[in-house]
Amino acid sequence: MAGLERGRCGLGERELQDQLTGYGDVGRGARPTERSARRIALEIAPDVDASQVEQLLAVERQCCPFLTIDWSPGERLLSFSVANSEQEAALAAIASALGIQPPGG
């Protein structure tokens, strides 16, 4: 989903739309716990199926292996981080798809 820009994402149009829809579903009711330019973390709502999160993350790991993704299903904690400024746009796109406001926003 690198930036959610078609030219930079390895997903086809349908797969990209499915990923965006999945992020919207997972982010609904989530409680952000951290948001910076290089890291986002959130607590996933109890009514979101953990298998849906895992499926979403499996696709993301294939598409954007530069992302560090941590998912703790028992605690319902999910985080994404990037190592450098060139990757911040991809993280911002994921935050937006999840419905998380930018820092200071």
PDB file of N, CA and C in Angstrom:
ATOM      1  N   MET A   1       0.812  -1.188   0.000  1.00  0.00           N
ATOM      2  CA  MET A   1       0.000   0.000   0.000  1.00  0.00           C
ATOM      3  C   MET A   1       0.853   1.249   0.000  1.00  0.00           C
ATOM      4  N   ALA A   2       2.074   1.137  -0.369  1.00  0.00           N
ATOM      5  CA  ALA A   2       3.010   2.252  -0.284  1.00  0.00           C
ATOM      6  C   ALA A   2       2.386   3.552  -0.761  1.00  0.00           C
ATOM      7  N   GLY A   3       1.902   4.321   0.181  1.00  0.00           N
ATOM      8  CA  GLY A   3       1.302   5.592  -0.127  1.00  0.00           C
ATOM      9  C   GLY A   3      -0.072   5.486  -0.747  1.00  0.00           C
ATOM     10  N   LEU A   4      -0.568   4.297  -0.953  1.00  0.00           N
ATOM     11  CA  LEU A   4      -1.842   4.035  -1.612  1.00  0.00           C
ATOM     12  C   LEU A   4      -1.884   4.596  -3.021  1.00  0.00           C
ATOM     13  N   GLU A   5      -0.746   4.833  -3.595  1.00  0.00           N
ATOM     14  CA  GLU A   5      -0.682   5.357  -4.945  1.00  0.00           C
ATOM     15  C   GLU A   5      -0.511   4.179  -5.883  1.00  0.00           C
ATOM     16  N   ARG A   6      -1.372   4.074  -6.881  1.00  0.00           N
ATOM     17  CA  ARG A   6      -1.367   2.926  -7.777  1.00  0.00           C
ATOM     18  C   ARG A   6       0.014   2.661  -8.354  1.00  0.00           C
ATOM     19  N   GLY A   7       0.752   3.675  -8.702  1.00  0.00           N
ATOM     20  CA  GLY A   7       2.055   3.460  -9.296  1.00  0.00           C
ATOM     21  C   GLY A   7       3.084   2.902  -8.329  1.00  0.00           C
ATOM     22  N   ARG A   8       2.837   2.963  -7.054  1.00  0.00           N
ATOM     23  CA  ARG A   8       3.825   2.543  -6.064  1.00  0.00           C
ATOM     24  C   ARG A   8       3.386   1.315  -5.294  1.00  0.00           C
ATOM     25  N   CYS A   9       2.238   0.793  -5.579  1.00  0.00           N
ATOM     26  CA  CYS A   9       1.721  -0.348  -4.829  1.00  0.00           C
ATOM     27  C   CYS A   9       1.687  -1.570  -5.738  1.00  0.00           C
ATOM     28  N   GLY A  10       2.127  -2.697  -5.207  1.00  0.00           N
ATOM     29  CA  GLY A  10       2.152  -3.920  -5.980  1.00  0.00           C
ATOM     30  C   GLY A  10       0.804  -4.620  -6.076  1.00  0.00           C
ATOM     31  N   LEU A  11      -0.199  -4.104  -5.421  1.00  0.00           N
ATOM     32  CA  LEU A  11      -1.520  -4.727  -5.453  1.00  0.00           C
ATOM     33  C   LEU A  11      -2.282  -4.299  -6.693  1.00  0.00           C
ATOM     34  N   GLY A  12      -3.099  -5.218  -7.216  1.00  0.00           N
ATOM     35  CA  GLY A  12      -4.002  -4.874  -8.300  1.00  0.00           C
ATOM     36  C   GLY A  12      -5.124  -3.997  -7.780  1.00  0.00           C
ATOM     37  N   GLU A  13      -5.893  -3.442  -8.683  1.00  0.00           N
ATOM     38  CA  GLU A  13      -6.967  -2.517  -8.303  1.00  0.00           C
ATOM     39  C   GLU A  13      -7.934  -3.156  -7.312  1.00  0.00           C
ATOM     40  N   ARG A  14      -8.363  -4.377  -7.576  1.00  0.00           N
ATOM     41  CA  ARG A  14      -9.317  -5.069  -6.699  1.00  0.00           C
ATOM     42  C   ARG A  14      -8.693  -5.357  -5.329  1.00  0.00           C
ATOM     43  N   GLU A  15      -7.459  -5.830  -5.334  1.00  0.00           N
ATOM     44  CA  GLU A  15      -6.779  -6.138  -4.069  1.00  0.00           C
ATOM     45  C   GLU A  15      -6.559  -4.881  -3.244  1.00  0.00           C
ATOM     46  N   LEU A  16      -6.230  -3.779  -3.910  1.00  0.00           N
ATOM     47  CA  LEU A  16      -6.037  -2.515  -3.202  1.00  0.00           C
ATOM     48  C   LEU A  16      -7.349  -2.064  -2.567  1.00  0.00           C
ATOM     49  N   GLN A  17      -8.443  -2.174  -3.306  1.00  0.00           N
ATOM     50  CA  GLN A  17      -9.738  -1.779  -2.757  1.00  0.00           C
ATOM     51  C   GLN A  17     -10.121  -2.679  -1.577  1.00  0.00           C
ATOM     52  N   ASP A  18      -9.867  -3.972  -1.704  1.00  0.00           N
ATOM     53  CA  ASP A  18     -10.142  -4.890  -0.587  1.00  0.00           C
ATOM     54  C   ASP A  18      -9.318  -4.513   0.642  1.00  0.00           C
ATOM     55  N   GLN A  19      -8.064  -4.135   0.426  1.00  0.00           N
ATOM     56  CA  GLN A  19      -7.188  -3.757   1.533  1.00  0.00           C
ATOM     57  C   GLN A  19      -7.701  -2.480   2.204  1.00  0.00           C
ATOM     58  N   LEU A  20      -8.088  -1.510   1.408  1.00  0.00           N
ATOM     59  CA  LEU A  20      -8.627  -0.264   1.963  1.00  0.00           C
ATOM     60  C   LEU A  20      -9.897  -0.516   2.761  1.00  0.00           C
ATOM     61  N   THR A  21     -10.773  -1.350   2.230  1.00  0.00           N
ATOM     62  CA  THR A  21     -12.004  -1.695   2.934  1.00  0.00           C
ATOM     63  C   THR A  21     -11.675  -2.409   4.240  1.00  0.00           C
ATOM     64  N   GLY A  22     -10.715  -3.324   4.193  1.00  0.00           N
ATOM     65  CA  GLY A  22     -10.301  -4.040   5.395  1.00  0.00           C
ATOM     66  C   GLY A  22      -9.752  -3.117   6.461  1.00  0.00           C
ATOM     67  N   TYR A  23      -8.926  -2.156   6.059  1.00  0.00           N
ATOM     68  CA  TYR A  23      -8.411  -1.194   7.028  1.00  0.00           C
ATOM     69  C   TYR A  23      -9.528  -0.369   7.637  1.00  0.00           C
ATOM     70  N   GLY A  24     -10.500   0.012   6.826  1.00  0.00           N
ATOM     71  CA  GLY A  24     -11.640   0.760   7.354  1.00  0.00           C
ATOM     72  C   GLY A  24     -12.401  -0.043   8.388  1.00  0.00           C
ATOM     73  N   ASP A  25     -12.603  -1.335   8.101  1.00  0.00           N
ATOM     74  CA  ASP A  25     -13.311  -2.217   9.039  1.00  0.00           C
ATOM     75  C   ASP A  25     -12.531  -2.403  10.335  1.00  0.00           C
ATOM     76  N   VAL A  26     -11.238  -2.639  10.210  1.00  0.00           N
ATOM     77  CA  VAL A  26     -10.389  -2.865  11.386  1.00  0.00           C
ATOM     78  C   VAL A  26     -10.256  -1.592  12.216  1.00  0.00           C
ATOM     79  N   GLY A  27     -10.196  -0.448  11.571  1.00  0.00           N
ATOM     80  CA  GLY A  27     -10.032   0.814  12.278  1.00  0.00           C
ATOM     81  C   GLY A  27     -11.298   1.328  12.949  1.00  0.00           C
ATOM     82  N   ARG A  28     -12.452   0.834  12.507  1.00  0.00           N
ATOM     83  CA  ARG A  28     -13.720   1.304  13.072  1.00  0.00           C
ATOM     84  C   ARG A  28     -13.797   0.932  14.552  1.00  0.00           C
ATOM     85  N   GLY A  29     -13.899   1.929  15.370  1.00  0.00           N
ATOM     86  CA  GLY A  29     -14.000   1.706  16.811  1.00  0.00           C
ATOM     87  C   GLY A  29     -12.668   1.501  17.502  1.00  0.00           C
ATOM     88  N   ALA A  30     -11.575   1.561  16.730  1.00  0.00           N
ATOM     89  CA  ALA A  30     -10.251   1.391  17.335  1.00  0.00           C
ATOM     90  C   ALA A  30      -9.886   2.630  18.146  1.00  0.00           C
ATOM     91  N   ARG A  31      -9.022   2.410  19.119  1.00  0.00           N
ATOM     92  CA  ARG A  31      -8.550   3.506  19.962  1.00  0.00           C
ATOM     93  C   ARG A  31      -7.054   3.696  19.707  1.00  0.00           C
ATOM     94  N   PRO A  32      -6.686   4.806  19.027  1.00  0.00           N
ATOM     95  CA  PRO A  32      -5.264   5.064  18.804  1.00  0.00           C
ATOM     96  C   PRO A  32      -4.539   5.260  20.136  1.00  0.00           C
ATOM     97  N   THR A  33      -3.366   4.668  20.253  1.00  0.00           N
ATOM     98  CA  THR A  33      -2.566   4.820  21.465  1.00  0.00           C
ATOM     99  C   THR A  33      -1.267   5.563  21.191  1.00  0.00           C
ATOM    100  N   GLU A  34      -0.882   5.638  19.913  1.00  0.00           N
ATOM    101  CA  GLU A  34       0.334   6.367  19.548  1.00  0.00           C
ATOM    102  C   GLU A  34       0.231   6.742  18.077  1.00  0.00           C
ATOM    103  N   ARG A  35       0.701   7.950  17.748  1.00  0.00           N
ATOM    104  CA  ARG A  35       0.741   8.392  16.351  1.00  0.00           C
ATOM    105  C   ARG A  35       1.879   9.372  16.181  1.00  0.00           C
ATOM    106  N   SER A  36       2.862   8.967  15.406  1.00  0.00           N
ATOM    107  CA  SER A  36       3.967   9.854  15.046  1.00  0.00           C
ATOM    108  C   SER A  36       4.235   9.640  13.559  1.00  0.00           C
ATOM    109  N   ALA A  37       5.196  10.345  13.033  1.00  0.00           N
ATOM    110  CA  ALA A  37       5.507  10.219  11.609  1.00  0.00           C
ATOM    111  C   ALA A  37       5.998   8.819  11.250  1.00  0.00           C
ATOM    112  N   ARG A  38       6.602   8.125  12.219  1.00  0.00           N
ATOM    113  CA  ARG A  38       7.176   6.810  11.922  1.00  0.00           C
ATOM    114  C   ARG A  38       6.556   5.645  12.684  1.00  0.00           C
ATOM    115  N   ARG A  39       5.511   5.922  13.462  1.00  0.00           N
ATOM    116  CA  ARG A  39       4.878   4.820  14.210  1.00  0.00           C
ATOM    117  C   ARG A  39       3.418   5.157  14.497  1.00  0.00           C
ATOM    118  N   ILE A  40       2.567   4.150  14.305  1.00  0.00           N
ATOM    119  CA  ILE A  40       1.184   4.231  14.748  1.00  0.00           C
ATOM    120  C   ILE A  40       0.879   2.976  15.543  1.00  0.00           C
ATOM    121  N   ALA A  41       0.086   3.145  16.577  1.00  0.00           N
ATOM    122  CA  ALA A  41      -0.338   2.010  17.394  1.00  0.00           C
ATOM    123  C   ALA A  41      -1.784   2.239  17.788  1.00  0.00           C
ATOM    124  N   LEU A  42      -2.524   1.157  17.882  1.00  0.00           N
ATOM    125  CA  LEU A  42      -3.923   1.268  18.246  1.00  0.00           C
ATOM    126  C   LEU A  42      -4.411   0.003  18.912  1.00  0.00           C
ATOM    127  N   GLU A  43      -5.473   0.183  19.676  1.00  0.00           N
ATOM    128  CA  GLU A  43      -6.166  -0.934  20.301  1.00  0.00           C
ATOM    129  C   GLU A  43      -7.395  -1.210  19.454  1.00  0.00           C
ATOM    130  N   ILE A  44      -7.475  -2.411  18.915  1.00  0.00           N
ATOM    131  CA  ILE A  44      -8.562  -2.805  18.023  1.00  0.00           C
ATOM    132  C   ILE A  44      -9.824  -3.092  18.844  1.00  0.00           C
ATOM    133  N   ALA A  45     -10.948  -2.646  18.335  1.00  0.00           N
ATOM    134  CA  ALA A  45     -12.229  -2.847  19.019  1.00  0.00           C
ATOM    135  C   ALA A  45     -12.520  -4.337  19.210  1.00  0.00           C
ATOM    136  N   PRO A  46     -13.188  -4.681  20.307  1.00  0.00           N
ATOM    137  CA  PRO A  46     -13.452  -6.092  20.616  1.00  0.00           C
ATOM    138  C   PRO A  46     -14.304  -6.811  19.578  1.00  0.00           C
ATOM    139  N   ASP A  47     -15.129  -6.083  18.825  1.00  0.00           N
ATOM    140  CA  ASP A  47     -16.007  -6.749  17.861  1.00  0.00           C
ATOM    141  C   ASP A  47     -15.351  -7.027  16.512  1.00  0.00           C
ATOM    142  N   VAL A  48     -14.090  -6.615  16.333  1.00  0.00           N
ATOM    143  CA  VAL A  48     -13.360  -6.902  15.095  1.00  0.00           C
ATOM    144  C   VAL A  48     -12.765  -8.303  15.205  1.00  0.00           C
ATOM    145  N   ASP A  49     -13.038  -9.119  14.214  1.00  0.00           N
ATOM    146  CA  ASP A  49     -12.553 -10.501  14.185  1.00  0.00           C
ATOM    147  C   ASP A  49     -11.028 -10.512  14.005  1.00  0.00           C
ATOM    148  N   ALA A  50     -10.324 -11.171  14.904  1.00  0.00           N
ATOM    149  CA  ALA A  50      -8.863 -11.236  14.842  1.00  0.00           C
ATOM    150  C   ALA A  50      -8.387 -11.851  13.537  1.00  0.00           C
ATOM    151  N   SER A  51      -9.133 -12.777  12.965  1.00  0.00           N
ATOM    152  CA  SER A  51      -8.715 -13.381  11.700  1.00  0.00           C
ATOM    153  C   SER A  51      -8.761 -12.363  10.561  1.00  0.00           C
ATOM    154  N   GLN A  52      -9.658 -11.392  10.642  1.00  0.00           N
ATOM    155  CA  GLN A  52      -9.701 -10.335   9.638  1.00  0.00           C
ATOM    156  C   GLN A  52      -8.433  -9.476   9.716  1.00  0.00           C
ATOM    157  N   VAL A  53      -8.008  -9.179  10.938  1.00  0.00           N
ATOM    158  CA  VAL A  53      -6.771  -8.412  11.124  1.00  0.00           C
ATOM    159  C   VAL A  53      -5.595  -9.211  10.560  1.00  0.00           C
ATOM    160  N   GLU A  54      -5.526 -10.482  10.874  1.00  0.00           N
ATOM    161  CA  GLU A  54      -4.417 -11.318  10.424  1.00  0.00           C
ATOM    162  C   GLU A  54      -4.366 -11.420   8.903  1.00  0.00           C
ATOM    163  N   GLN A  55      -5.521 -11.524   8.257  1.00  0.00           N
ATOM    164  CA  GLN A  55      -5.569 -11.581   6.801  1.00  0.00           C
ATOM    165  C   GLN A  55      -5.077 -10.265   6.197  1.00  0.00           C
ATOM    166  N   LEU A  56      -5.519  -9.159   6.750  1.00  0.00           N
ATOM    167  CA  LEU A  56      -5.102  -7.838   6.301  1.00  0.00           C
ATOM    168  C   LEU A  56      -3.583  -7.695   6.414  1.00  0.00           C
ATOM    169  N   LEU A  57      -3.035  -8.129   7.537  1.00  0.00           N
ATOM    170  CA  LEU A  57      -1.601  -8.006   7.774  1.00  0.00           C
ATOM    171  C   LEU A  57      -0.788  -8.924   6.875  1.00  0.00           C
ATOM    172  N   ALA A  58      -1.307 -10.095   6.553  1.00  0.00           N
ATOM    173  CA  ALA A  58      -0.603 -11.008   5.653  1.00  0.00           C
ATOM    174  C   ALA A  58      -0.408 -10.363   4.285  1.00  0.00           C
ATOM    175  N   VAL A  59      -1.441  -9.721   3.793  1.00  0.00           N
ATOM    176  CA  VAL A  59      -1.341  -9.020   2.510  1.00  0.00           C
ATOM    177  C   VAL A  59      -0.349  -7.870   2.624  1.00  0.00           C
ATOM    178  N   GLU A  60      -0.450  -7.117   3.702  1.00  0.00           N
ATOM    179  CA  GLU A  60       0.426  -5.952   3.883  1.00  0.00           C
ATOM    180  C   GLU A  60       1.893  -6.366   3.965  1.00  0.00           C
ATOM    181  N   ARG A  61       2.167  -7.452   4.638  1.00  0.00           N
ATOM    182  CA  ARG A  61       3.561  -7.911   4.765  1.00  0.00           C
ATOM    183  C   ARG A  61       4.143  -8.286   3.408  1.00  0.00           C
ATOM    184  N   GLN A  62       3.319  -8.822   2.519  1.00  0.00           N
ATOM    185  CA  GLN A  62       3.787  -9.164   1.174  1.00  0.00           C
ATOM    186  C   GLN A  62       3.985  -7.910   0.333  1.00  0.00           C
ATOM    187  N   CYS A  63       3.078  -6.977   0.463  1.00  0.00           N
ATOM    188  CA  CYS A  63       3.091  -5.766  -0.350  1.00  0.00           C
ATOM    189  C   CYS A  63       4.182  -4.797   0.089  1.00  0.00           C
ATOM    190  N   CYS A  64       4.344  -4.631   1.383  1.00  0.00           N
ATOM    191  CA  CYS A  64       5.267  -3.626   1.941  1.00  0.00           C
ATOM    192  C   CYS A  64       6.139  -4.256   3.019  1.00  0.00           C
ATOM    193  N   PRO A  65       7.117  -5.060   2.619  1.00  0.00           N
ATOM    194  CA  PRO A  65       7.944  -5.747   3.622  1.00  0.00           C
ATOM    195  C   PRO A  65       8.791  -4.815   4.467  1.00  0.00           C
ATOM    196  N   PHE A  66       8.914  -3.562   4.085  1.00  0.00           N
ATOM    197  CA  PHE A  66       9.690  -2.604   4.868  1.00  0.00           C
ATOM    198  C   PHE A  66       8.968  -2.164   6.135  1.00  0.00           C
ATOM    199  N   LEU A  67       7.665  -2.420   6.218  1.00  0.00           N
ATOM    200  CA  LEU A  67       6.907  -2.068   7.424  1.00  0.00           C
ATOM    201  C   LEU A  67       7.222  -3.040   8.550  1.00  0.00           C
ATOM    202  N   THR A  68       7.368  -2.513   9.743  1.00  0.00           N
ATOM    203  CA  THR A  68       7.422  -3.368  10.923  1.00  0.00           C
ATOM    204  C   THR A  68       6.007  -3.401  11.475  1.00  0.00           C
ATOM    205  N   ILE A  69       5.440  -4.590  11.523  1.00  0.00           N
ATOM    206  CA  ILE A  69       4.057  -4.758  11.958  1.00  0.00           C
ATOM    207  C   ILE A  69       4.046  -5.672  13.177  1.00  0.00           C
ATOM    208  N   ASP A  70       3.411  -5.209  14.240  1.00  0.00           N
ATOM    209  CA  ASP A  70       3.255  -6.021  15.446  1.00  0.00           C
ATOM    210  C   ASP A  70       1.765  -6.144  15.748  1.00  0.00           C
ATOM    211  N   TRP A  71       1.322  -7.375  15.960  1.00  0.00           N
ATOM    212  CA  TRP A  71      -0.087  -7.651  16.270  1.00  0.00           C
ATOM    213  C   TRP A  71      -0.138  -8.603  17.440  1.00  0.00           C
ATOM    214  N   SER A  72      -0.792  -8.173  18.495  1.00  0.00           N
ATOM    215  CA  SER A  72      -0.973  -8.987  19.687  1.00  0.00           C
ATOM    216  C   SER A  72      -2.473  -9.242  19.840  1.00  0.00           C
ATOM    217  N   PRO A  73      -2.975 -10.359  19.282  1.00  0.00           N
ATOM    218  CA  PRO A  73      -4.416 -10.593  19.283  1.00  0.00           C
ATOM    219  C   PRO A  73      -5.027 -10.670  20.678  1.00  0.00           C
ATOM    220  N   GLY A  74      -4.312 -11.224  21.641  1.00  0.00           N
ATOM    221  CA  GLY A  74      -4.845 -11.340  22.997  1.00  0.00           C
ATOM    222  C   GLY A  74      -5.090  -9.989  23.642  1.00  0.00           C
ATOM    223  N   GLU A  75      -4.201  -9.054  23.355  1.00  0.00           N
ATOM    224  CA  GLU A  75      -4.330  -7.702  23.918  1.00  0.00           C
ATOM    225  C   GLU A  75      -5.028  -6.749  22.957  1.00  0.00           C
ATOM    226  N   ARG A  76      -5.249  -7.218  21.711  1.00  0.00           N
ATOM    227  CA  ARG A  76      -5.915  -6.422  20.665  1.00  0.00           C
ATOM    228  C   ARG A  76      -5.084  -5.202  20.272  1.00  0.00           C
ATOM    229  N   LEU A  77      -3.765  -5.319  20.385  1.00  0.00           N
ATOM    230  CA  LEU A  77      -2.870  -4.200  20.074  1.00  0.00           C
ATOM    231  C   LEU A  77      -2.210  -4.415  18.718  1.00  0.00           C
ATOM    232  N   LEU A  78      -2.251  -3.382  17.899  1.00  0.00           N
ATOM    233  CA  LEU A  78      -1.693  -3.415  16.555  1.00  0.00           C
ATOM    234  C   LEU A  78      -0.815  -2.186  16.362  1.00  0.00           C
ATOM    235  N   SER A  79       0.373  -2.385  15.793  1.00  0.00           N
ATOM    236  CA  SER A  79       1.231  -1.239  15.515  1.00  0.00           C
ATOM    237  C   SER A  79       1.946  -1.433  14.183  1.00  0.00           C
ATOM    238  N   PHE A  80       2.261  -0.307  13.577  1.00  0.00           N
ATOM    239  CA  PHE A  80       3.027  -0.248  12.336  1.00  0.00           C
ATOM    240  C   PHE A  80       4.125   0.772  12.550  1.00  0.00           C
ATOM    241  N   SER A  81       5.314   0.502  12.022  1.00  0.00           N
ATOM    242  CA  SER A  81       6.373   1.502  12.074  1.00  0.00           C
ATOM    243  C   SER A  81       7.248   1.374  10.833  1.00  0.00           C
ATOM    244  N   VAL A  82       7.947   2.456  10.552  1.00  0.00           N
ATOM    245  CA  VAL A  82       8.884   2.499   9.440  1.00  0.00           C
ATOM    246  C   VAL A  82      10.219   3.010   9.948  1.00  0.00           C
ATOM    247  N   ALA A  83      11.279   2.709   9.190  1.00  0.00           N
ATOM    248  CA  ALA A  83      12.630   3.025   9.637  1.00  0.00           C
ATOM    249  C   ALA A  83      13.132   4.385   9.191  1.00  0.00           C
ATOM    250  N   ASN A  84      12.569   4.920   8.099  1.00  0.00           N
ATOM    251  CA  ASN A  84      13.122   6.182   7.609  1.00  0.00           C
ATOM    252  C   ASN A  84      12.058   7.076   6.993  1.00  0.00           C
ATOM    253  N   SER A  85      12.452   8.299   6.697  1.00  0.00           N
ATOM    254  CA  SER A  85      11.507   9.305   6.224  1.00  0.00           C
ATOM    255  C   SER A  85      10.918   8.964   4.860  1.00  0.00           C
ATOM    256  N   GLU A  86      11.645   8.238   4.023  1.00  0.00           N
ATOM    257  CA  GLU A  86      11.117   7.863   2.712  1.00  0.00           C
ATOM    258  C   GLU A  86       9.906   6.938   2.831  1.00  0.00           C
ATOM    259  N   GLN A  87       9.752   6.270   3.946  1.00  0.00           N
ATOM    260  CA  GLN A  87       8.652   5.319   4.144  1.00  0.00           C
ATOM    261  C   GLN A  87       7.475   5.924   4.908  1.00  0.00           C
ATOM    262  N   GLU A  88       7.613   7.154   5.343  1.00  0.00           N
ATOM    263  CA  GLU A  88       6.564   7.780   6.150  1.00  0.00           C
ATOM    264  C   GLU A  88       5.249   7.932   5.390  1.00  0.00           C
ATOM    265  N   ALA A  89       5.298   8.138   4.076  1.00  0.00           N
ATOM    266  CA  ALA A  89       4.068   8.288   3.295  1.00  0.00           C
ATOM    267  C   ALA A  89       3.230   7.011   3.340  1.00  0.00           C
ATOM    268  N   ALA A  90       3.881   5.867   3.289  1.00  0.00           N
ATOM    269  CA  ALA A  90       3.153   4.599   3.359  1.00  0.00           C
ATOM    270  C   ALA A  90       2.473   4.457   4.719  1.00  0.00           C
ATOM    271  N   LEU A  91       3.173   4.838   5.778  1.00  0.00           N
ATOM    272  CA  LEU A  91       2.595   4.768   7.117  1.00  0.00           C
ATOM    273  C   LEU A  91       1.424   5.735   7.250  1.00  0.00           C
ATOM    274  N   ALA A  92       1.572   6.923   6.692  1.00  0.00           N
ATOM    275  CA  ALA A  92       0.488   7.904   6.730  1.00  0.00           C
ATOM    276  C   ALA A  92      -0.741   7.386   5.981  1.00  0.00           C
ATOM    277  N   ALA A  93      -0.526   6.683   4.885  1.00  0.00           N
ATOM    278  CA  ALA A  93      -1.641   6.118   4.121  1.00  0.00           C
ATOM    279  C   ALA A  93      -2.377   5.052   4.924  1.00  0.00           C
ATOM    280  N   ILE A  94      -1.641   4.227   5.633  1.00  0.00           N
ATOM    281  CA  ILE A  94      -2.264   3.200   6.473  1.00  0.00           C
ATOM    282  C   ILE A  94      -3.042   3.868   7.601  1.00  0.00           C
ATOM    283  N   ALA A  95      -2.449   4.873   8.228  1.00  0.00           N
ATOM    284  CA  ALA A  95      -3.143   5.591   9.306  1.00  0.00           C
ATOM    285  C   ALA A  95      -4.445   6.185   8.793  1.00  0.00           C
ATOM    286  N   SER A  96      -4.390   6.777   7.620  1.00  0.00           N
ATOM    287  CA  SER A  96      -5.598   7.380   7.029  1.00  0.00           C
ATOM    288  C   SER A  96      -6.655   6.311   6.764  1.00  0.00           C
ATOM    289  N   ALA A  97      -6.249   5.194   6.206  1.00  0.00           N
ATOM    290  CA  ALA A  97      -7.187   4.101   5.922  1.00  0.00           C
ATOM    291  C   ALA A  97      -7.807   3.556   7.200  1.00  0.00           C
ATOM    292  N   LEU A  98      -7.051   3.580   8.286  1.00  0.00           N
ATOM    293  CA  LEU A  98      -7.559   3.137   9.592  1.00  0.00           C
ATOM    294  C   LEU A  98      -8.437   4.192  10.258  1.00  0.00           C
ATOM    295  N   GLY A  99      -8.384   5.427   9.750  1.00  0.00           N
ATOM    296  CA  GLY A  99      -9.151   6.514  10.333  1.00  0.00           C
ATOM    297  C   GLY A  99      -8.435   7.217  11.463  1.00  0.00           C
ATOM    298  N   ILE A 100      -7.099   7.096  11.501  1.00  0.00           N
ATOM    299  CA  ILE A 100      -6.292   7.738  12.539  1.00  0.00           C
ATOM    300  C   ILE A 100      -5.812   9.088  12.024  1.00  0.00           C
ATOM    301  N   GLN A 101      -6.031  10.119  12.791  1.00  0.00           N
ATOM    302  CA  GLN A 101      -5.629  11.467  12.415  1.00  0.00           C
ATOM    303  C   GLN A 101      -4.122  11.625  12.446  1.00  0.00           C
ATOM    304  N   PRO A 102      -3.591  12.529  11.595  1.00  0.00           N
ATOM    305  CA  PRO A 102      -2.145  12.778  11.620  1.00  0.00           C
ATOM    306  C   PRO A 102      -1.724  13.421  12.934  1.00  0.00           C
ATOM    307  N   PRO A 103      -0.429  13.366  13.260  1.00  0.00           N
ATOM    308  CA  PRO A 103       0.039  14.008  14.488  1.00  0.00           C
ATOM    309  C   PRO A 103      -0.354  15.479  14.491  1.00  0.00           C
ATOM    310  N   GLY A 104      -0.893  15.930  15.592  1.00  0.00           N
ATOM    311  CA  GLY A 104      -1.324  17.303  15.725  1.00  0.00           C
ATOM    312  C   GLY A 104      -2.635  17.605  15.032  1.00  0.00           C
ATOM    313  N   GLY A 105      -3.291  16.546  14.464  1.00  0.00           N
ATOM    314  CA  GLY A 105      -4.506  16.763  13.684  1.00  0.00           C
ATOM    315  C   GLY A 105      -5.738  16.500  14.384  1.00  0.00           C
TER     316      GLY A 105
END
